[in-house]
C-alpha cells in the first residue's frame, strides 16, 4: 500500500466535515440512475473510493442489499459506518488501496466516482484495469465517473487525469463495451463547478 497516499486521505477525512470537500454530494442521482439502468436483479455492488458518499445509504433505501464499501481511508470508513447506524450491517466494509485490493468475489456492478482519475501513470492504470477485469462478473457493469477534458487539473492537492469519451472507451476496450456516457456539472459546496464524464460499460 502507498502509505503516503493513505496518510493524505486519512488527514482529509480526519480533519474535514463531509461538506468541506469538493466532491461532496447531497444526492447521488446520476450514480443511482446508472446502477438501476443496469437492470440486474439483486446485484452485488462495490462502491470504490466510497469515502463518505451517501450512495450506499440511498441504495439500501431502494432495496439493494449486496453492498461492498471500499476506501483507502479507515477514518472515512468508520464515519460512514457510524452514519449508516443499524443499516451498516447490510454492507461489507473494506479499507484498502484499490490497487492492492484482492478478493475472490465477483461483482455485478463496479461503481467508481472519482478514483480512477487519480491514477496518472500507465502502469497504475493497467493495474486498475486488470483488477476490474478479474473482479467483475460475466456481463457485469463498470460505472466510472472521472473529470472530463473540461474538468479540474487537480483535486485535493493531487494531480488528476482528464478524460474524453473516446479516450476512456479505448482504455477499457479490451474487456468492456461502452453502452452509455454523459457529461455532468457537479456543483461543489464552495459553489464552483466541476465537469465530470460518467461512463457505463458492460463486460464483453
C-alpha atoms as a PDB file:
ATOM      1  CA  UNK A   1       0.000   0.000   0.000  1.00  0.00           C
ATOM      2  CA  UNK A   2       1.141   3.541  -0.701  1.00  0.00           C
ATOM      3  CA  UNK A   3       1.330   4.884   2.862  1.00  0.00           C
ATOM      4  CA  UNK A   4       1.984   8.452   1.762  1.00  0.00           C
ATOM      5  CA  UNK A   5      -1.266   8.328  -0.202  1.00  0.00           C
ATOM      6  CA  UNK A   6      -3.063   6.676   2.689  1.00  0.00           C
ATOM      7  CA  UNK A   7      -1.811   9.365   5.081  1.00  0.00           C
ATOM      8  CA  UNK A   8      -3.030  12.051   2.692  1.00  0.00           C
ATOM      9  CA  UNK A   9      -6.578  10.706   2.686  1.00  0.00           C
ATOM     10  CA  UNK A  10      -6.631   9.906   6.409  1.00  0.00           C
ATOM     11  CA  UNK A  11      -5.732  13.537   7.089  1.00  0.00           C
ATOM     12  CA  UNK A  12      -8.520  14.763   4.781  1.00  0.00           C
ATOM     13  CA  UNK A  13     -11.202  12.640   6.430  1.00  0.00           C
ATOM     14  CA  UNK A  14      -9.901  13.216   9.964  1.00  0.00           C
ATOM     15  CA  UNK A  15      -9.871  16.997   9.663  1.00  0.00           C
ATOM     16  CA  UNK A  16     -12.753  17.905   7.354  1.00  0.00           C
ATOM     17  CA  UNK A  17     -16.502  17.554   7.631  1.00  0.00           C
ATOM     18  CA  UNK A  18     -18.263  15.740   4.801  1.00  0.00           C
ATOM     19  CA  UNK A  19     -19.417  19.030   3.220  1.00  0.00           C
ATOM     20  CA  UNK A  20     -15.958  20.617   3.404  1.00  0.00           C
ATOM     21  CA  UNK A  21     -14.576  18.656   0.450  1.00  0.00           C
ATOM     22  CA  UNK A  22     -15.188  19.473  -3.202  1.00  0.00           C
ATOM     23  CA  UNK A  23     -16.603  16.061  -4.145  1.00  0.00           C
ATOM     24  CA  UNK A  24     -19.430  16.119  -1.568  1.00  0.00           C
ATOM     25  CA  UNK A  25     -22.914  15.325  -2.920  1.00  0.00           C
ATOM     26  CA  UNK A  26     -26.189  15.571  -1.013  1.00  0.00           C
ATOM     27  CA  UNK A  27     -27.771  13.420  -3.685  1.00  0.00           C
ATOM     28  CA  UNK A  28     -26.267  10.693  -5.840  1.00  0.00           C
ATOM     29  CA  UNK A  29     -28.864  10.711  -8.607  1.00  0.00           C
ATOM     30  CA  UNK A  30     -26.506  10.158 -11.549  1.00  0.00           C
ATOM     31  CA  UNK A  31     -24.934   7.087  -9.985  1.00  0.00           C
ATOM     32  CA  UNK A  32     -28.267   5.689  -8.818  1.00  0.00           C
ATOM     33  CA  UNK A  33     -29.750   6.030 -12.290  1.00  0.00           C
ATOM     34  CA  UNK A  34     -26.856   4.203 -13.940  1.00  0.00           C
ATOM     35  CA  UNK A  35     -26.961   1.408 -11.364  1.00  0.00           C
ATOM     36  CA  UNK A  36     -30.702   0.986 -11.852  1.00  0.00           C
ATOM     37  CA  UNK A  37     -30.287   1.107 -15.626  1.00  0.00           C
ATOM     38  CA  UNK A  38     -28.039  -1.949 -15.395  1.00  0.00           C
ATOM     39  CA  UNK A  39     -31.266  -3.890 -14.904  1.00  0.00           C
ATOM     40  CA  UNK A  40     -29.766  -6.602 -12.693  1.00  0.00           C
ATOM     41  CA  UNK A  41     -31.961  -8.140 -10.019  1.00  0.00           C
ATOM     42  CA  UNK A  42     -30.316  -8.117  -6.584  1.00  0.00           C
ATOM     43  CA  UNK A  43     -26.798  -7.364  -7.869  1.00  0.00           C
ATOM     44  CA  UNK A  44     -23.562  -7.495  -5.917  1.00  0.00           C
ATOM     45  CA  UNK A  45     -22.344  -3.884  -5.929  1.00  0.00           C
ATOM     46  CA  UNK A  46     -18.997  -2.427  -4.886  1.00  0.00           C
ATOM     47  CA  UNK A  47     -18.512   1.316  -4.414  1.00  0.00           C
ATOM     48  CA  UNK A  48     -14.801   2.003  -4.896  1.00  0.00           C
ATOM     49  CA  UNK A  49     -13.412   5.085  -3.171  1.00  0.00           C
ATOM     50  CA  UNK A  50     -16.695   5.437  -1.347  1.00  0.00           C
ATOM     51  CA  UNK A  51     -15.307   7.923   1.185  1.00  0.00           C
ATOM     52  CA  UNK A  52     -18.283   9.465   2.953  1.00  0.00           C
ATOM     53  CA  UNK A  53     -20.625   9.145  -0.003  1.00  0.00           C
ATOM     54  CA  UNK A  54     -24.332   8.732   0.631  1.00  0.00           C
ATOM     55  CA  UNK A  55     -24.648   6.324  -2.303  1.00  0.00           C
ATOM     56  CA  UNK A  56     -24.792   3.154  -0.200  1.00  0.00           C
ATOM     57  CA  UNK A  57     -27.486   4.641   2.051  1.00  0.00           C
ATOM     58  CA  UNK A  58     -29.540   5.561  -0.992  1.00  0.00           C
ATOM     59  CA  UNK A  59     -29.074   2.065  -2.434  1.00  0.00           C
ATOM     60  CA  UNK A  60     -30.206   0.460   0.825  1.00  0.00           C
ATOM     61  CA  UNK A  61     -33.273   2.702   0.904  1.00  0.00           C
ATOM     62  CA  UNK A  62     -34.418   1.453  -2.508  1.00  0.00           C
ATOM     63  CA  UNK A  63     -33.842  -2.211  -1.717  1.00  0.00           C
ATOM     64  CA  UNK A  64     -30.281  -3.142  -2.673  1.00  0.00           C
ATOM     65  CA  UNK A  65     -28.614  -5.356  -0.080  1.00  0.00           C
ATOM     66  CA  UNK A  66     -25.449  -6.958  -1.513  1.00  0.00           C
ATOM     67  CA  UNK A  67     -23.179  -3.959  -0.998  1.00  0.00           C
ATOM     68  CA  UNK A  68     -19.434  -3.507  -0.502  1.00  0.00           C
ATOM     69  CA  UNK A  69     -17.719  -0.310   0.643  1.00  0.00           C
ATOM     70  CA  UNK A  70     -14.064   0.196  -0.288  1.00  0.00           C
ATOM     71  CA  UNK A  71     -11.872   3.175   0.573  1.00  0.00           C
ATOM     72  CA  UNK A  72      -8.208   3.701   1.419  1.00  0.00           C
ATOM     73  CA  UNK A  73      -9.144   5.767   4.496  1.00  0.00           C
ATOM     74  CA  UNK A  74     -10.062   3.988   7.720  1.00  0.00           C
ATOM     75  CA  UNK A  75     -11.346   7.286   9.083  1.00  0.00           C
ATOM     76  CA  UNK A  76     -13.770   7.637   6.169  1.00  0.00           C
ATOM     77  CA  UNK A  77     -14.910   4.047   6.683  1.00  0.00           C
ATOM     78  CA  UNK A  78     -15.594   4.497  10.400  1.00  0.00           C
ATOM     79  CA  UNK A  79     -17.504   7.741   9.839  1.00  0.00           C
ATOM     80  CA  UNK A  80     -19.549   6.174   7.039  1.00  0.00           C
ATOM     81  CA  UNK A  81     -20.327   3.152   9.192  1.00  0.00           C
ATOM     82  CA  UNK A  82     -21.500   5.430  12.015  1.00  0.00           C
ATOM     83  CA  UNK A  83     -23.612   7.437   9.550  1.00  0.00           C
ATOM     84  CA  UNK A  84     -25.457   4.299   8.450  1.00  0.00           C
ATOM     85  CA  UNK A  85     -26.097   3.140  12.007  1.00  0.00           C
ATOM     86  CA  UNK A  86     -28.048  -0.125  12.106  1.00  0.00           C
ATOM     87  CA  UNK A  87     -28.045  -0.233   8.314  1.00  0.00           C
ATOM     88  CA  UNK A  88     -24.260  -0.681   8.386  1.00  0.00           C
ATOM     89  CA  UNK A  89     -24.733  -4.443   8.841  1.00  0.00           C
ATOM     90  CA  UNK A  90     -26.034  -4.555   5.265  1.00  0.00           C
ATOM     91  CA  UNK A  91     -22.611  -3.504   3.943  1.00  0.00           C
ATOM     92  CA  UNK A  92     -19.277  -5.326   3.704  1.00  0.00           C
ATOM     93  CA  UNK A  93     -16.656  -2.824   4.866  1.00  0.00           C
ATOM     94  CA  UNK A  94     -13.124  -2.766   3.424  1.00  0.00           C
ATOM     95  CA  UNK A  95     -10.344  -0.214   3.988  1.00  0.00           C
ATOM     96  CA  UNK A  96      -7.803  -0.818   1.235  1.00  0.00           C
ATOM     97  CA  UNK A  97      -5.911   0.879  -1.570  1.00  0.00           C
ATOM     98  CA  UNK A  98      -7.798  -0.137  -4.711  1.00  0.00           C
ATOM     99  CA  UNK A  99      -4.535  -1.199  -6.375  1.00  0.00           C
ATOM    100  CA  UNK A 100      -3.880  -3.647  -3.508  1.00  0.00           C
ATOM    101  CA  UNK A 101      -7.425  -4.997  -3.435  1.00  0.00           C
ATOM    102  CA  UNK A 102      -7.668  -8.780  -3.701  1.00  0.00           C
ATOM    103  CA  UNK A 103     -10.837 -10.841  -3.479  1.00  0.00           C
ATOM    104  CA  UNK A 104     -12.358 -13.985  -4.915  1.00  0.00           C
ATOM    105  CA  UNK A 105     -15.747 -12.250  -5.104  1.00  0.00           C
ATOM    106  CA  UNK A 106     -17.210 -11.226  -8.447  1.00  0.00           C
ATOM    107  CA  UNK A 107     -19.241  -8.022  -8.548  1.00  0.00           C
ATOM    108  CA  UNK A 108     -22.187  -7.438 -10.873  1.00  0.00           C
ATOM    109  CA  UNK A 109     -21.741  -3.656 -10.649  1.00  0.00           C
ATOM    110  CA  UNK A 110     -18.474  -1.833 -10.008  1.00  0.00           C
ATOM    111  CA  UNK A 111     -19.049   1.844  -9.218  1.00  0.00           C
ATOM    112  CA  UNK A 112     -16.184   4.341  -9.093  1.00  0.00           C
ATOM    113  CA  UNK A 113     -16.839   8.058  -8.808  1.00  0.00           C
ATOM    114  CA  UNK A 114     -13.529   9.959  -8.790  1.00  0.00           C
ATOM    115  CA  UNK A 115     -10.919   7.305  -8.008  1.00  0.00           C
ATOM    116  CA  UNK A 116      -9.713   6.268 -11.455  1.00  0.00           C
ATOM    117  CA  UNK A 117      -8.764   9.794 -12.497  1.00  0.00           C
ATOM    118  CA  UNK A 118      -6.146   9.938  -9.704  1.00  0.00           C
ATOM    119  CA  UNK A 119      -4.117   7.241 -11.491  1.00  0.00           C
ATOM    120  CA  UNK A 120      -1.574   9.188 -13.517  1.00  0.00           C
ATOM    121  CA  UNK A 121       0.914   6.510 -14.514  1.00  0.00           C
ATOM    122  CA  UNK A 122       0.367   3.947 -17.251  1.00  0.00           C
ATOM    123  CA  UNK A 123       1.349   1.014 -15.033  1.00  0.00           C
ATOM    124  CA  UNK A 124      -1.173   2.066 -12.371  1.00  0.00           C
ATOM    125  CA  UNK A 125      -3.935   2.440 -14.950  1.00  0.00           C
ATOM    126  CA  UNK A 126      -3.114  -1.024 -16.319  1.00  0.00           C
ATOM    127  CA  UNK A 127      -3.195  -2.490 -12.811  1.00  0.00           C
ATOM    128  CA  UNK A 128      -6.627  -0.973 -12.197  1.00  0.00           C
ATOM    129  CA  UNK A 129      -7.903  -2.410 -15.481  1.00  0.00           C
ATOM    130  CA  UNK A 130      -6.572  -5.868 -14.549  1.00  0.00           C
ATOM    131  CA  UNK A 131      -8.399  -5.662 -11.198  1.00  0.00           C
ATOM    132  CA  UNK A 132     -11.763  -4.731 -12.708  1.00  0.00           C
ATOM    133  CA  UNK A 133     -11.427  -7.376 -15.404  1.00  0.00           C
ATOM    134  CA  UNK A 134     -10.811 -10.014 -12.748  1.00  0.00           C
ATOM    135  CA  UNK A 135     -13.458  -8.943 -10.264  1.00  0.00           C
ATOM    136  CA  UNK A 136     -16.469  -8.025 -12.417  1.00  0.00           C
ATOM    137  CA  UNK A 137     -18.810 -10.899 -13.219  1.00  0.00           C
ATOM    138  CA  UNK A 138     -19.680 -12.090 -16.710  1.00  0.00           C
ATOM    139  CA  UNK A 139     -21.957  -9.484 -18.292  1.00  0.00           C
ATOM    140  CA  UNK A 140     -21.277  -7.292 -15.264  1.00  0.00           C
ATOM    141  CA  UNK A 141     -21.255  -3.496 -15.322  1.00  0.00           C
ATOM    142  CA  UNK A 142     -18.470  -0.950 -14.803  1.00  0.00           C
ATOM    143  CA  UNK A 143     -19.587   2.591 -13.941  1.00  0.00           C
ATOM    144  CA  UNK A 144     -16.866   5.234 -13.732  1.00  0.00           C
ATOM    145  CA  UNK A 145     -17.074   8.958 -13.049  1.00  0.00           C
ATOM    146  CA  UNK A 146     -13.944  10.923 -13.982  1.00  0.00           C
ATOM    147  CA  UNK A 147     -13.125  14.534 -14.624  1.00  0.00           C
ATOM    148  CA  UNK A 148     -13.813  15.429 -18.247  1.00  0.00           C
ATOM    149  CA  UNK A 149     -11.426  17.296 -20.534  1.00  0.00           C
ATOM    150  CA  UNK A 150     -13.003  20.465 -19.134  1.00  0.00           C
ATOM    151  CA  UNK A 151     -12.612  19.370 -15.512  1.00  0.00           C
ATOM    152  CA  UNK A 152     -10.005  20.433 -12.939  1.00  0.00           C
ATOM    153  CA  UNK A 153      -6.324  19.558 -13.245  1.00  0.00           C
ATOM    154  CA  UNK A 154      -6.079  18.814  -9.536  1.00  0.00           C
ATOM    155  CA  UNK A 155      -8.286  17.529  -6.741  1.00  0.00           C
ATOM    156  CA  UNK A 156      -7.449  17.563  -3.034  1.00  0.00           C
ATOM    157  CA  UNK A 157      -3.992  18.862  -3.972  1.00  0.00           C
ATOM    158  CA  UNK A 158      -3.266  15.842  -6.175  1.00  0.00           C
ATOM    159  CA  UNK A 159      -2.829  15.757  -9.947  1.00  0.00           C
ATOM    160  CA  UNK A 160      -5.588  14.046 -11.916  1.00  0.00           C
ATOM    161  CA  UNK A 161      -6.095  12.821 -15.464  1.00  0.00           C
ATOM    162  CA  UNK A 162      -8.979  14.174 -17.523  1.00  0.00           C
ATOM    163  CA  UNK A 163     -10.884  12.030 -19.971  1.00  0.00           C
ATOM    164  CA  UNK A 164     -12.938  12.261 -23.127  1.00  0.00           C
ATOM    165  CA  UNK A 165     -15.463   9.577 -24.042  1.00  0.00           C
ATOM    166  CA  UNK A 166     -13.193   8.388 -26.870  1.00  0.00           C
ATOM    167  CA  UNK A 167     -10.132   8.004 -24.629  1.00  0.00           C
ATOM    168  CA  UNK A 168     -11.850   6.204 -21.755  1.00  0.00           C
ATOM    169  CA  UNK A 169     -13.639   3.887 -24.192  1.00  0.00           C
ATOM    170  CA  UNK A 170     -10.283   2.913 -25.704  1.00  0.00           C
ATOM    171  CA  UNK A 171      -8.698   2.308 -22.289  1.00  0.00           C
ATOM    172  CA  UNK A 172     -11.292  -0.278 -21.245  1.00  0.00           C
ATOM    173  CA  UNK A 173     -11.980  -1.671 -24.704  1.00  0.00           C
ATOM    174  CA  UNK A 174     -10.136  -4.963 -24.137  1.00  0.00           C
ATOM    175  CA  UNK A 175     -12.886  -6.413 -21.935  1.00  0.00           C
ATOM    176  CA  UNK A 176     -15.676  -3.843 -21.771  1.00  0.00           C
ATOM    177  CA  UNK A 177     -18.143  -2.283 -24.175  1.00  0.00           C
ATOM    178  CA  UNK A 178     -19.239   1.321 -23.612  1.00  0.00           C
ATOM    179  CA  UNK A 179     -23.048   1.434 -23.511  1.00  0.00           C
ATOM    180  CA  UNK A 180     -23.677   4.944 -22.178  1.00  0.00           C
ATOM    181  CA  UNK A 181     -21.832   8.123 -21.268  1.00  0.00           C
ATOM    182  CA  UNK A 182     -22.742  11.661 -20.365  1.00  0.00           C
ATOM    183  CA  UNK A 183     -21.219  14.854 -19.009  1.00  0.00           C
ATOM    184  CA  UNK A 184     -22.341  16.300 -15.709  1.00  0.00           C
ATOM    185  CA  UNK A 185     -21.587  19.586 -13.939  1.00  0.00           C
ATOM    186  CA  UNK A 186     -21.010  18.874 -10.263  1.00  0.00           C
ATOM    187  CA  UNK A 187     -21.538  21.953  -8.091  1.00  0.00           C
ATOM    188  CA  UNK A 188     -19.182  21.810  -5.116  1.00  0.00           C
ATOM    189  CA  UNK A 189     -20.030  23.003  -1.582  1.00  0.00           C
ATOM    190  CA  UNK A 190     -17.956  26.091  -2.468  1.00  0.00           C
ATOM    191  CA  UNK A 191     -20.237  26.967  -5.424  1.00  0.00           C
ATOM    192  CA  UNK A 192     -17.633  26.060  -8.035  1.00  0.00           C
ATOM    193  CA  UNK A 193     -18.357  23.705 -10.912  1.00  0.00           C
ATOM    194  CA  UNK A 194     -16.501  20.552 -11.893  1.00  0.00           C
ATOM    195  CA  UNK A 195     -17.307  18.863 -15.192  1.00  0.00           C
ATOM    196  CA  UNK A 196     -17.474  15.072 -14.912  1.00  0.00           C
ATOM    197  CA  UNK A 197     -17.703  12.361 -17.528  1.00  0.00           C
ATOM    198  CA  UNK A 198     -19.760   9.361 -16.446  1.00  0.00           C
ATOM    199  CA  UNK A 199     -19.096   6.191 -18.447  1.00  0.00           C
ATOM    200  CA  UNK A 200     -21.142   2.984 -18.234  1.00  0.00           C
ATOM    201  CA  UNK A 201     -19.569  -0.212 -19.602  1.00  0.00           C
ATOM    202  CA  UNK A 202     -20.711  -3.829 -19.781  1.00  0.00           C
ATOM    203  CA  UNK A 203     -18.259  -6.707 -19.684  1.00  0.00           C
ATOM    204  CA  UNK A 204     -17.881  -8.417 -23.059  1.00  0.00           C
END
